[in-house]
C-alpha cells in the first residue's frame, strides 16, 4: 500500500488514505527512535550514523554498489533483520527485511542536487509537524 511519511527527530507523521496523519512520538518508543535514526541516516547519506547503527557488508552488484546493513543494537534488531541498499551516485533502492518477515522496498528517483520549492500540498505536510 502507498503511504506518505514525514520523519523528524521527534516524531513520524504517516498519511495512509484520506484521513488525518497518525503521529508516532519517538520519546515513547526506543525501537521507533532507532528505526527513525536508521531511516534518516539512510536518506541523508549519513554514513557515520549508519555505521553506528549497522554492520555493513558489501554485496556483488552488476553496476553501482550494494550493501547489506545488519542492525547492531537490540532495539533496532527487534524491528529489522537487514536493510539492503543499492545505488550509484545516490541511494536508489532500499529493501528493509523486517523481523516479523515483512519486506518494504523503497525506490528513489528524480534526484536533484539543488534545493527545490515546495508546492502547497508539500508545505501542508510540514505545517502539521
C-alpha atoms as a PDB file:
ATOM      1  CA  UNK A   1       0.000   0.000   0.000  1.00  0.00           C
ATOM      2  CA  UNK A   2       1.105   3.546  -0.578  1.00  0.00           C
ATOM      3  CA  UNK A   3       1.816   5.851   2.334  1.00  0.00           C
ATOM      4  CA  UNK A   4       3.409   9.237   2.870  1.00  0.00           C
ATOM      5  CA  UNK A   5       5.705   9.736   5.850  1.00  0.00           C
ATOM      6  CA  UNK A   6       7.375  12.759   7.376  1.00  0.00           C
ATOM      7  CA  UNK A   7      10.273  11.627   9.562  1.00  0.00           C
ATOM      8  CA  UNK A   8      11.748  14.122  12.008  1.00  0.00           C
ATOM      9  CA  UNK A   9      13.964  13.864  15.077  1.00  0.00           C
ATOM     10  CA  UNK A  10      10.994  13.784  17.470  1.00  0.00           C
ATOM     11  CA  UNK A  11       8.134  12.101  15.595  1.00  0.00           C
ATOM     12  CA  UNK A  12       6.924  10.309  12.493  1.00  0.00           C
ATOM     13  CA  UNK A  13       3.761  11.510  10.771  1.00  0.00           C
ATOM     14  CA  UNK A  14       2.129   8.961   8.479  1.00  0.00           C
ATOM     15  CA  UNK A  15      -0.644   9.585   5.960  1.00  0.00           C
ATOM     16  CA  UNK A  16      -2.419   6.492   4.644  1.00  0.00           C
ATOM     17  CA  UNK A  17      -5.540   7.317   2.678  1.00  0.00           C
ATOM     18  CA  UNK A  18      -7.611  10.459   3.053  1.00  0.00           C
ATOM     19  CA  UNK A  19      -7.681  10.705   6.850  1.00  0.00           C
ATOM     20  CA  UNK A  20      -5.565  12.823   9.141  1.00  0.00           C
ATOM     21  CA  UNK A  21      -1.958  11.781   9.788  1.00  0.00           C
ATOM     22  CA  UNK A  22      -1.052   9.363  12.546  1.00  0.00           C
ATOM     23  CA  UNK A  23       1.661  10.808  14.808  1.00  0.00           C
ATOM     24  CA  UNK A  24       4.163   8.416  16.388  1.00  0.00           C
ATOM     25  CA  UNK A  25       6.290  10.030  19.124  1.00  0.00           C
ATOM     26  CA  UNK A  26       9.942   8.970  19.317  1.00  0.00           C
ATOM     27  CA  UNK A  27      10.302   9.540  23.050  1.00  0.00           C
ATOM     28  CA  UNK A  28       7.715   6.872  23.849  1.00  0.00           C
ATOM     29  CA  UNK A  29       9.393   4.099  21.850  1.00  0.00           C
ATOM     30  CA  UNK A  30      13.171   3.381  21.754  1.00  0.00           C
ATOM     31  CA  UNK A  31      12.743   0.904  18.885  1.00  0.00           C
ATOM     32  CA  UNK A  32      10.909   3.535  16.834  1.00  0.00           C
ATOM     33  CA  UNK A  33      13.687   6.029  17.643  1.00  0.00           C
ATOM     34  CA  UNK A  34      16.287   3.531  16.376  1.00  0.00           C
ATOM     35  CA  UNK A  35      14.252   2.955  13.204  1.00  0.00           C
ATOM     36  CA  UNK A  36      13.870   6.696  12.584  1.00  0.00           C
ATOM     37  CA  UNK A  37      17.608   7.250  13.129  1.00  0.00           C
ATOM     38  CA  UNK A  38      18.297   4.486  10.606  1.00  0.00           C
ATOM     39  CA  UNK A  39      15.888   5.979   8.048  1.00  0.00           C
ATOM     40  CA  UNK A  40      17.279   9.485   8.493  1.00  0.00           C
ATOM     41  CA  UNK A  41      20.838   8.166   8.173  1.00  0.00           C
ATOM     42  CA  UNK A  42      19.895   6.306   5.010  1.00  0.00           C
ATOM     43  CA  UNK A  43      18.005   9.197   3.441  1.00  0.00           C
ATOM     44  CA  UNK A  44      20.618  11.811   4.261  1.00  0.00           C
ATOM     45  CA  UNK A  45      23.622   9.627   3.419  1.00  0.00           C
ATOM     46  CA  UNK A  46      24.944   9.974   6.975  1.00  0.00           C
ATOM     47  CA  UNK A  47      27.458   7.121   6.861  1.00  0.00           C
ATOM     48  CA  UNK A  48      28.594   7.853  10.423  1.00  0.00           C
ATOM     49  CA  UNK A  49      25.101   7.227  11.781  1.00  0.00           C
ATOM     50  CA  UNK A  50      24.674   4.125   9.619  1.00  0.00           C
ATOM     51  CA  UNK A  51      27.948   2.577  10.792  1.00  0.00           C
ATOM     52  CA  UNK A  52      26.937   3.277  14.389  1.00  0.00           C
ATOM     53  CA  UNK A  53      23.607   1.507  13.910  1.00  0.00           C
ATOM     54  CA  UNK A  54      24.543  -1.252  11.433  1.00  0.00           C
ATOM     55  CA  UNK A  55      27.278  -3.661  10.461  1.00  0.00           C
ATOM     56  CA  UNK A  56      27.784  -3.039   6.716  1.00  0.00           C
ATOM     57  CA  UNK A  57      28.714  -5.827   4.301  1.00  0.00           C
ATOM     58  CA  UNK A  58      29.443  -5.112   0.601  1.00  0.00           C
ATOM     59  CA  UNK A  59      27.423  -7.230  -1.847  1.00  0.00           C
ATOM     60  CA  UNK A  60      28.046  -8.008  -5.529  1.00  0.00           C
ATOM     61  CA  UNK A  61      26.448  -5.505  -7.910  1.00  0.00           C
ATOM     62  CA  UNK A  62      26.098  -5.536 -11.699  1.00  0.00           C
ATOM     63  CA  UNK A  63      26.573  -1.780 -11.649  1.00  0.00           C
ATOM     64  CA  UNK A  64      26.982   0.807  -8.896  1.00  0.00           C
ATOM     65  CA  UNK A  65      27.158  -0.611  -5.397  1.00  0.00           C
ATOM     66  CA  UNK A  66      25.127  -2.722  -2.943  1.00  0.00           C
ATOM     67  CA  UNK A  67      25.388  -3.073   0.827  1.00  0.00           C
ATOM     68  CA  UNK A  68      23.721  -5.255   3.420  1.00  0.00           C
ATOM     69  CA  UNK A  69      23.202  -3.468   6.728  1.00  0.00           C
ATOM     70  CA  UNK A  70      22.596  -5.674   9.779  1.00  0.00           C
ATOM     71  CA  UNK A  71      21.473  -3.929  12.995  1.00  0.00           C
ATOM     72  CA  UNK A  72      23.998  -3.792  15.828  1.00  0.00           C
ATOM     73  CA  UNK A  73      21.603  -2.885  18.672  1.00  0.00           C
ATOM     74  CA  UNK A  74      18.757  -4.915  20.142  1.00  0.00           C
ATOM     75  CA  UNK A  75      16.157  -2.138  19.760  1.00  0.00           C
ATOM     76  CA  UNK A  76      16.667  -1.944  16.018  1.00  0.00           C
ATOM     77  CA  UNK A  77      17.158  -5.702  15.619  1.00  0.00           C
ATOM     78  CA  UNK A  78      13.733  -6.198  17.220  1.00  0.00           C
ATOM     79  CA  UNK A  79      12.261  -4.437  14.168  1.00  0.00           C
ATOM     80  CA  UNK A  80      14.694  -5.105  11.315  1.00  0.00           C
ATOM     81  CA  UNK A  81      16.646  -8.185  10.254  1.00  0.00           C
ATOM     82  CA  UNK A  82      18.533  -6.417   7.467  1.00  0.00           C
ATOM     83  CA  UNK A  83      18.469  -3.431   5.141  1.00  0.00           C
ATOM     84  CA  UNK A  84      19.868  -3.846   1.646  1.00  0.00           C
ATOM     85  CA  UNK A  85      20.735  -0.591  -0.090  1.00  0.00           C
ATOM     86  CA  UNK A  86      21.914  -0.082  -3.656  1.00  0.00           C
ATOM     87  CA  UNK A  87      22.738   2.819  -5.888  1.00  0.00           C
ATOM     88  CA  UNK A  88      25.250   4.754  -7.893  1.00  0.00           C
ATOM     89  CA  UNK A  89      25.923   8.367  -7.005  1.00  0.00           C
ATOM     90  CA  UNK A  90      22.800   8.334  -4.803  1.00  0.00           C
ATOM     91  CA  UNK A  91      20.913   5.655  -2.875  1.00  0.00           C
ATOM     92  CA  UNK A  92      18.435   4.350  -5.461  1.00  0.00           C
ATOM     93  CA  UNK A  93      16.821   1.472  -3.598  1.00  0.00           C
ATOM     94  CA  UNK A  94      16.414   0.272  -0.026  1.00  0.00           C
ATOM     95  CA  UNK A  95      14.830  -3.056   0.889  1.00  0.00           C
ATOM     96  CA  UNK A  96      14.015  -3.423   4.569  1.00  0.00           C
ATOM     97  CA  UNK A  97      13.572  -7.008   5.774  1.00  0.00           C
ATOM     98  CA  UNK A  98      11.582  -6.735   8.980  1.00  0.00           C
ATOM     99  CA  UNK A  99      11.990  -9.053  11.960  1.00  0.00           C
ATOM    100  CA  UNK A 100       8.389 -10.246  11.549  1.00  0.00           C
ATOM    101  CA  UNK A 101       9.036 -11.410   7.981  1.00  0.00           C
ATOM    102  CA  UNK A 102       7.577  -8.460   6.041  1.00  0.00           C
ATOM    103  CA  UNK A 103       9.636  -6.592   3.466  1.00  0.00           C
ATOM    104  CA  UNK A 104       9.424  -2.956   2.477  1.00  0.00           C
ATOM    105  CA  UNK A 105      11.014  -1.809  -0.784  1.00  0.00           C
ATOM    106  CA  UNK A 106      11.680   1.902  -1.286  1.00  0.00           C
ATOM    107  CA  UNK A 107      12.779   3.239  -4.683  1.00  0.00           C
ATOM    108  CA  UNK A 108      14.283   6.714  -5.063  1.00  0.00           C
ATOM    109  CA  UNK A 109      14.434   8.623  -8.348  1.00  0.00           C
ATOM    110  CA  UNK A 110      14.261  12.122  -9.803  1.00  0.00           C
ATOM    111  CA  UNK A 111      17.364  13.186  -7.876  1.00  0.00           C
ATOM    112  CA  UNK A 112      18.136  16.862  -7.548  1.00  0.00           C
ATOM    113  CA  UNK A 113      21.182  18.456  -6.002  1.00  0.00           C
ATOM    114  CA  UNK A 114      19.770  21.987  -5.948  1.00  0.00           C
ATOM    115  CA  UNK A 115      17.115  22.980  -3.422  1.00  0.00           C
ATOM    116  CA  UNK A 116      13.616  22.906  -4.807  1.00  0.00           C
ATOM    117  CA  UNK A 117      10.474  24.805  -3.946  1.00  0.00           C
ATOM    118  CA  UNK A 118       7.677  23.088  -2.077  1.00  0.00           C
ATOM    119  CA  UNK A 119       4.215  23.222  -3.587  1.00  0.00           C
ATOM    120  CA  UNK A 120       1.158  23.948  -1.420  1.00  0.00           C
ATOM    121  CA  UNK A 121       0.456  20.262  -0.720  1.00  0.00           C
ATOM    122  CA  UNK A 122       4.070  19.616   0.347  1.00  0.00           C
ATOM    123  CA  UNK A 123       4.086  22.693   2.615  1.00  0.00           C
ATOM    124  CA  UNK A 124       0.901  21.417   4.250  1.00  0.00           C
ATOM    125  CA  UNK A 125       2.727  18.272   5.392  1.00  0.00           C
ATOM    126  CA  UNK A 126       5.336  20.313   7.244  1.00  0.00           C
ATOM    127  CA  UNK A 127       2.753  22.593   8.834  1.00  0.00           C
ATOM    128  CA  UNK A 128       1.309  19.551  10.623  1.00  0.00           C
ATOM    129  CA  UNK A 129       4.663  18.683  12.119  1.00  0.00           C
END
